[in-house]
Amino acid sequence: MPDKKSIKERLKEITDSIEKGIAEVFTSGKYADYLRTMSRFHRYSVNNRILIYFQDPSASHVAG
């Protein structure tokens, strides 16, 4: 049976990793780029906006 202390330590490591990842998302500027792209194409579906973002985050017009 695993030691409870080791489970707590592992849980702490996982929690710290998640917190670090979330902090990086909001401080890297990528989140702001993503939101800018989403706002330019508000009439498109979420899936299409994500595709546009991955192809060219600075896109301003998309042809059908």
PDB file of N, CA and C in Angstrom:
ATOM      1  N   MET A   1       0.846  -1.178   0.000  1.00  0.00           N
ATOM      2  CA  MET A   1       0.000   0.000   0.000  1.00  0.00           C
ATOM      3  C   MET A   1       0.891   1.239   0.000  1.00  0.00           C
ATOM      4  N   PRO A   2       0.600   2.216  -0.885  1.00  0.00           N
ATOM      5  CA  PRO A   2       1.440   3.415  -0.945  1.00  0.00           C
ATOM      6  C   PRO A   2       1.349   4.237   0.335  1.00  0.00           C
ATOM      7  N   ASP A   3       2.453   4.856   0.647  1.00  0.00           N
ATOM      8  CA  ASP A   3       2.516   5.716   1.823  1.00  0.00           C
ATOM      9  C   ASP A   3       1.681   6.973   1.563  1.00  0.00           C
ATOM     10  N   LYS A   4       0.879   7.389   2.553  1.00  0.00           N
ATOM     11  CA  LYS A   4       0.020   8.559   2.384  1.00  0.00           C
ATOM     12  C   LYS A   4       0.838   9.821   2.138  1.00  0.00           C
ATOM     13  N   LYS A   5       2.006   9.899   2.723  1.00  0.00           N
ATOM     14  CA  LYS A   5       2.843  11.068   2.524  1.00  0.00           C
ATOM     15  C   LYS A   5       3.274  11.174   1.059  1.00  0.00           C
ATOM     16  N   SER A   6       3.610  10.074   0.450  1.00  0.00           N
ATOM     17  CA  SER A   6       4.026  10.111  -0.943  1.00  0.00           C
ATOM     18  C   SER A   6       2.869  10.490  -1.862  1.00  0.00           C
ATOM     19  N   ILE A   7       1.655  10.082  -1.521  1.00  0.00           N
ATOM     20  CA  ILE A   7       0.485  10.477  -2.299  1.00  0.00           C
ATOM     21  C   ILE A   7       0.261  11.976  -2.172  1.00  0.00           C
ATOM     22  N   LYS A   8       0.395  12.497  -0.955  1.00  0.00           N
ATOM     23  CA  LYS A   8       0.233  13.937  -0.742  1.00  0.00           C
ATOM     24  C   LYS A   8       1.302  14.720  -1.480  1.00  0.00           C
ATOM     25  N   GLU A   9       2.525  14.226  -1.459  1.00  0.00           N
ATOM     26  CA  GLU A   9       3.605  14.902  -2.174  1.00  0.00           C
ATOM     27  C   GLU A   9       3.336  14.916  -3.674  1.00  0.00           C
ATOM     28  N   ARG A  10       2.889  13.796  -4.211  1.00  0.00           N
ATOM     29  CA  ARG A  10       2.588  13.700  -5.645  1.00  0.00           C
ATOM     30  C   ARG A  10       1.446  14.634  -6.011  1.00  0.00           C
ATOM     31  N   LEU A  11       0.427  14.699  -5.184  1.00  0.00           N
ATOM     32  CA  LEU A  11      -0.694  15.603  -5.417  1.00  0.00           C
ATOM     33  C   LEU A  11      -0.222  17.055  -5.408  1.00  0.00           C
ATOM     34  N   LYS A  12       0.682  17.384  -4.491  1.00  0.00           N
ATOM     35  CA  LYS A  12       1.246  18.740  -4.430  1.00  0.00           C
ATOM     36  C   LYS A  12       2.017  19.059  -5.709  1.00  0.00           C
ATOM     37  N   GLU A  13       2.796  18.105  -6.208  1.00  0.00           N
ATOM     38  CA  GLU A  13       3.542  18.306  -7.456  1.00  0.00           C
ATOM     39  C   GLU A  13       2.600  18.556  -8.631  1.00  0.00           C
ATOM     40  N   ILE A  14       1.542  17.772  -8.707  1.00  0.00           N
ATOM     41  CA  ILE A  14       0.569  17.931  -9.792  1.00  0.00           C
ATOM     42  C   ILE A  14      -0.116  19.287  -9.704  1.00  0.00           C
ATOM     43  N   THR A  15      -0.537  19.666  -8.502  1.00  0.00           N
ATOM     44  CA  THR A  15      -1.194  20.954  -8.300  1.00  0.00           C
ATOM     45  C   THR A  15      -0.269  22.110  -8.659  1.00  0.00           C
ATOM     46  N   ASP A  16       0.981  22.033  -8.245  1.00  0.00           N
ATOM     47  CA  ASP A  16       1.949  23.083  -8.579  1.00  0.00           C
ATOM     48  C   ASP A  16       2.155  23.178 -10.084  1.00  0.00           C
ATOM     49  N   SER A  17       2.205  22.054 -10.752  1.00  0.00           N
ATOM     50  CA  SER A  17       2.386  22.022 -12.196  1.00  0.00           C
ATOM     51  C   SER A  17       1.204  22.667 -12.913  1.00  0.00           C
ATOM     52  N   ILE A  18      -0.002  22.365 -12.466  1.00  0.00           N
ATOM     53  CA  ILE A  18      -1.199  22.957 -13.064  1.00  0.00           C
ATOM     54  C   ILE A  18      -1.212  24.467 -12.847  1.00  0.00           C
ATOM     55  N   GLU A  19      -0.903  24.902 -11.636  1.00  0.00           N
ATOM     56  CA  GLU A  19      -0.885  26.337 -11.338  1.00  0.00           C
ATOM     57  C   GLU A  19       0.152  27.060 -12.193  1.00  0.00           C
ATOM     58  N   LYS A  20       1.311  26.462 -12.373  1.00  0.00           N
ATOM     59  CA  LYS A  20       2.355  27.062 -13.204  1.00  0.00           C
ATOM     60  C   LYS A  20       1.882  27.169 -14.653  1.00  0.00           C
ATOM     61  N   GLY A  21       1.245  26.123 -15.165  1.00  0.00           N
ATOM     62  CA  GLY A  21       0.747  26.131 -16.533  1.00  0.00           C
ATOM     63  C   GLY A  21      -0.304  27.195 -16.752  1.00  0.00           C
ATOM     64  N   ILE A  22      -1.203  27.350 -15.803  1.00  0.00           N
ATOM     65  CA  ILE A  22      -2.245  28.375 -15.911  1.00  0.00           C
ATOM     66  C   ILE A  22      -1.627  29.765 -15.894  1.00  0.00           C
ATOM     67  N   ALA A  23      -0.666  29.987 -15.024  1.00  0.00           N
ATOM     68  CA  ALA A  23       0.006  31.290 -14.954  1.00  0.00           C
ATOM     69  C   ALA A  23       0.706  31.610 -16.272  1.00  0.00           C
ATOM     70  N   GLU A  24       1.332  30.624 -16.898  1.00  0.00           N
ATOM     71  CA  GLU A  24       2.018  30.835 -18.167  1.00  0.00           C
ATOM     72  C   GLU A  24       1.051  31.202 -19.282  1.00  0.00           C
ATOM     73  N   VAL A  25      -0.133  30.617 -19.274  1.00  0.00           N
ATOM     74  CA  VAL A  25      -1.132  30.929 -20.300  1.00  0.00           C
ATOM     75  C   VAL A  25      -1.489  32.411 -20.253  1.00  0.00           C
ATOM     76  N   PHE A  26      -1.710  32.931 -19.064  1.00  0.00           N
ATOM     77  CA  PHE A  26      -2.161  34.309 -18.942  1.00  0.00           C
ATOM     78  C   PHE A  26      -1.041  35.330 -19.039  1.00  0.00           C
ATOM     79  N   THR A  27       0.212  34.933 -18.867  1.00  0.00           N
ATOM     80  CA  THR A  27       1.304  35.891 -18.929  1.00  0.00           C
ATOM     81  C   THR A  27       2.097  35.822 -20.219  1.00  0.00           C
ATOM     82  N   SER A  28       1.868  34.816 -21.046  1.00  0.00           N
ATOM     83  CA  SER A  28       2.679  34.636 -22.249  1.00  0.00           C
ATOM     84  C   SER A  28       2.257  35.530 -23.403  1.00  0.00           C
ATOM     85  N   GLY A  29       1.073  36.057 -23.399  1.00  0.00           N
ATOM     86  CA  GLY A  29       0.595  36.851 -24.517  1.00  0.00           C
ATOM     87  C   GLY A  29      -0.175  36.012 -25.527  1.00  0.00           C
ATOM     88  N   LYS A  30      -0.028  34.712 -25.472  1.00  0.00           N
ATOM     89  CA  LYS A  30      -0.750  33.843 -26.401  1.00  0.00           C
ATOM     90  C   LYS A  30      -2.251  33.905 -26.144  1.00  0.00           C
ATOM     91  N   TYR A  31      -2.623  34.033 -24.905  1.00  0.00           N
ATOM     92  CA  TYR A  31      -4.047  34.119 -24.576  1.00  0.00           C
ATOM     93  C   TYR A  31      -4.649  35.398 -25.156  1.00  0.00           C
ATOM     94  N   ALA A  32      -3.926  36.503 -25.075  1.00  0.00           N
ATOM     95  CA  ALA A  32      -4.403  37.765 -25.649  1.00  0.00           C
ATOM     96  C   ALA A  32      -4.528  37.648 -27.165  1.00  0.00           C
ATOM     97  N   ASP A  33      -3.564  37.000 -27.818  1.00  0.00           N
ATOM     98  CA  ASP A  33      -3.643  36.775 -29.261  1.00  0.00           C
ATOM     99  C   ASP A  33      -4.870  35.947 -29.613  1.00  0.00           C
ATOM    100  N   TYR A  34      -5.100  34.905 -28.834  1.00  0.00           N
ATOM    101  CA  TYR A  34      -6.256  34.038 -29.046  1.00  0.00           C
ATOM    102  C   TYR A  34      -7.555  34.840 -28.919  1.00  0.00           C
ATOM    103  N   LEU A  35      -7.668  35.658 -27.886  1.00  0.00           N
ATOM    104  CA  LEU A  35      -8.885  36.448 -27.692  1.00  0.00           C
ATOM    105  C   LEU A  35      -9.084  37.468 -28.810  1.00  0.00           C
ATOM    106  N   ARG A  36      -7.994  38.059 -29.307  1.00  0.00           N
ATOM    107  CA  ARG A  36      -8.095  38.996 -30.425  1.00  0.00           C
ATOM    108  C   ARG A  36      -8.642  38.301 -31.668  1.00  0.00           C
ATOM    109  N   THR A  37      -8.142  37.127 -31.957  1.00  0.00           N
ATOM    110  CA  THR A  37      -8.634  36.372 -33.109  1.00  0.00           C
ATOM    111  C   THR A  37     -10.098  36.004 -32.926  1.00  0.00           C
ATOM    112  N   MET A  38     -10.459  35.561 -31.726  1.00  0.00           N
ATOM    113  CA  MET A  38     -11.846  35.188 -31.470  1.00  0.00           C
ATOM    114  C   MET A  38     -12.783  36.384 -31.652  1.00  0.00           C
ATOM    115  N   SER A  39     -12.343  37.567 -31.263  1.00  0.00           N
ATOM    116  CA  SER A  39     -13.207  38.747 -31.371  1.00  0.00           C
ATOM    117  C   SER A  39     -13.384  39.207 -32.817  1.00  0.00           C
ATOM    118  N   ARG A  40     -12.393  38.972 -33.663  1.00  0.00           N
ATOM    119  CA  ARG A  40     -12.504  39.378 -35.069  1.00  0.00           C
ATOM    120  C   ARG A  40     -13.473  38.502 -35.851  1.00  0.00           C
ATOM    121  N   PHE A  41     -13.663  37.273 -35.406  1.00  0.00           N
ATOM    122  CA  PHE A  41     -14.502  36.329 -36.144  1.00  0.00           C
ATOM    123  C   PHE A  41     -15.652  35.821 -35.277  1.00  0.00           C
ATOM    124  N   HIS A  42     -16.340  36.730 -34.635  1.00  0.00           N
ATOM    125  CA  HIS A  42     -17.382  36.361 -33.679  1.00  0.00           C
ATOM    126  C   HIS A  42     -18.575  35.669 -34.323  1.00  0.00           C
ATOM    127  N   ARG A  43     -18.764  35.803 -35.628  1.00  0.00           N
ATOM    128  CA  ARG A  43     -19.901  35.151 -36.291  1.00  0.00           C
ATOM    129  C   ARG A  43     -19.581  33.733 -36.752  1.00  0.00           C
ATOM    130  N   TYR A  44     -18.333  33.354 -36.649  1.00  0.00           N
ATOM    131  CA  TYR A  44     -17.926  32.007 -37.041  1.00  0.00           C
ATOM    132  C   TYR A  44     -18.103  31.053 -35.858  1.00  0.00           C
ATOM    133  N   SER A  45     -18.183  29.763 -36.167  1.00  0.00           N
ATOM    134  CA  SER A  45     -18.293  28.770 -35.096  1.00  0.00           C
ATOM    135  C   SER A  45     -16.981  28.716 -34.314  1.00  0.00           C
ATOM    136  N   VAL A  46     -17.044  28.181 -33.121  1.00  0.00           N
ATOM    137  CA  VAL A  46     -15.845  28.058 -32.286  1.00  0.00           C
ATOM    138  C   VAL A  46     -14.795  27.223 -32.999  1.00  0.00           C
ATOM    139  N   ASN A  47     -15.221  26.126 -33.626  1.00  0.00           N
ATOM    140  CA  ASN A  47     -14.263  25.270 -34.333  1.00  0.00           C
ATOM    141  C   ASN A  47     -13.559  26.031 -35.453  1.00  0.00           C
ATOM    142  N   ASN A  48     -14.306  26.809 -36.232  1.00  0.00           N
ATOM    143  CA  ASN A  48     -13.696  27.570 -37.321  1.00  0.00           C
ATOM    144  C   ASN A  48     -12.759  28.651 -36.793  1.00  0.00           C
ATOM    145  N   ARG A  49     -13.128  29.293 -35.698  1.00  0.00           N
ATOM    146  CA  ARG A  49     -12.252  30.313 -35.120  1.00  0.00           C
ATOM    147  C   ARG A  49     -10.951  29.701 -34.625  1.00  0.00           C
ATOM    148  N   ILE A  50     -11.017  28.533 -34.056  1.00  0.00           N
ATOM    149  CA  ILE A  50      -9.803  27.859 -33.595  1.00  0.00           C
ATOM    150  C   ILE A  50      -8.921  27.507 -34.792  1.00  0.00           C
ATOM    151  N   LEU A  51      -9.536  27.017 -35.871  1.00  0.00           N
ATOM    152  CA  LEU A  51      -8.764  26.711 -37.072  1.00  0.00           C
ATOM    153  C   LEU A  51      -8.096  27.969 -37.641  1.00  0.00           C
ATOM    154  N   ILE A  52      -8.826  29.061 -37.665  1.00  0.00           N
ATOM    155  CA  ILE A  52      -8.256  30.330 -38.139  1.00  0.00           C
ATOM    156  C   ILE A  52      -7.086  30.731 -37.264  1.00  0.00           C
ATOM    157  N   TYR A  53      -7.264  30.635 -35.965  1.00  0.00           N
ATOM    158  CA  TYR A  53      -6.193  31.014 -35.038  1.00  0.00           C
ATOM    159  C   TYR A  53      -4.941  30.178 -35.261  1.00  0.00           C
ATOM    160  N   PHE A  54      -5.087  28.870 -35.427  1.00  0.00           N
ATOM    161  CA  PHE A  54      -3.921  28.016 -35.611  1.00  0.00           C
ATOM    162  C   PHE A  54      -3.238  28.263 -36.953  1.00  0.00           C
ATOM    163  N   GLN A  55      -3.999  28.645 -37.976  1.00  0.00           N
ATOM    164  CA  GLN A  55      -3.401  28.893 -39.283  1.00  0.00           C
ATOM    165  C   GLN A  55      -2.747  30.245 -39.368  1.00  0.00           C
ATOM    166  N   ASP A  56      -3.390  31.282 -38.790  1.00  0.00           N
ATOM    167  CA  ASP A  56      -2.813  32.630 -38.832  1.00  0.00           C
ATOM    168  C   ASP A  56      -3.471  33.496 -37.767  1.00  0.00           C
ATOM    169  N   PRO A  57      -2.850  33.610 -36.595  1.00  0.00           N
ATOM    170  CA  PRO A  57      -3.445  34.397 -35.506  1.00  0.00           C
ATOM    171  C   PRO A  57      -3.670  35.872 -35.858  1.00  0.00           C
ATOM    172  N   SER A  58      -2.959  36.380 -36.846  1.00  0.00           N
ATOM    173  CA  SER A  58      -3.113  37.788 -37.211  1.00  0.00           C
ATOM    174  C   SER A  58      -4.115  37.988 -38.359  1.00  0.00           C
ATOM    175  N   ALA A  59      -4.823  36.963 -38.767  1.00  0.00           N
ATOM    176  CA  ALA A  59      -5.787  37.065 -39.860  1.00  0.00           C
ATOM    177  C   ALA A  59      -6.862  38.091 -39.531  1.00  0.00           C
ATOM    178  N   SER A  60      -7.271  38.832 -40.567  1.00  0.00           N
ATOM    179  CA  SER A  60      -8.334  39.806 -40.378  1.00  0.00           C
ATOM    180  C   SER A  60      -9.524  39.527 -41.295  1.00  0.00           C
ATOM    181  N   HIS A  61      -9.299  38.786 -42.382  1.00  0.00           N
ATOM    182  CA  HIS A  61     -10.367  38.405 -43.296  1.00  0.00           C
ATOM    183  C   HIS A  61     -10.183  36.946 -43.687  1.00  0.00           C
ATOM    184  N   VAL A  62     -11.308  36.268 -43.887  1.00  0.00           N
ATOM    185  CA  VAL A  62     -11.265  34.876 -44.305  1.00  0.00           C
ATOM    186  C   VAL A  62     -12.251  34.698 -45.444  1.00  0.00           C
ATOM    187  N   ALA A  63     -11.791  34.092 -46.534  1.00  0.00           N
ATOM    188  CA  ALA A  63     -12.674  33.825 -47.672  1.00  0.00           C
ATOM    189  C   ALA A  63     -13.349  32.482 -47.487  1.00  0.00           C
ATOM    190  N   GLY A  64     -14.595  32.411 -47.891  1.00  0.00           N
ATOM    191  CA  GLY A  64     -15.348  31.175 -47.750  1.00  0.00           C
ATOM    192  C   GLY A  64     -15.077  30.196 -48.868  1.00  0.00           C
TER     193      GLY A  64
END
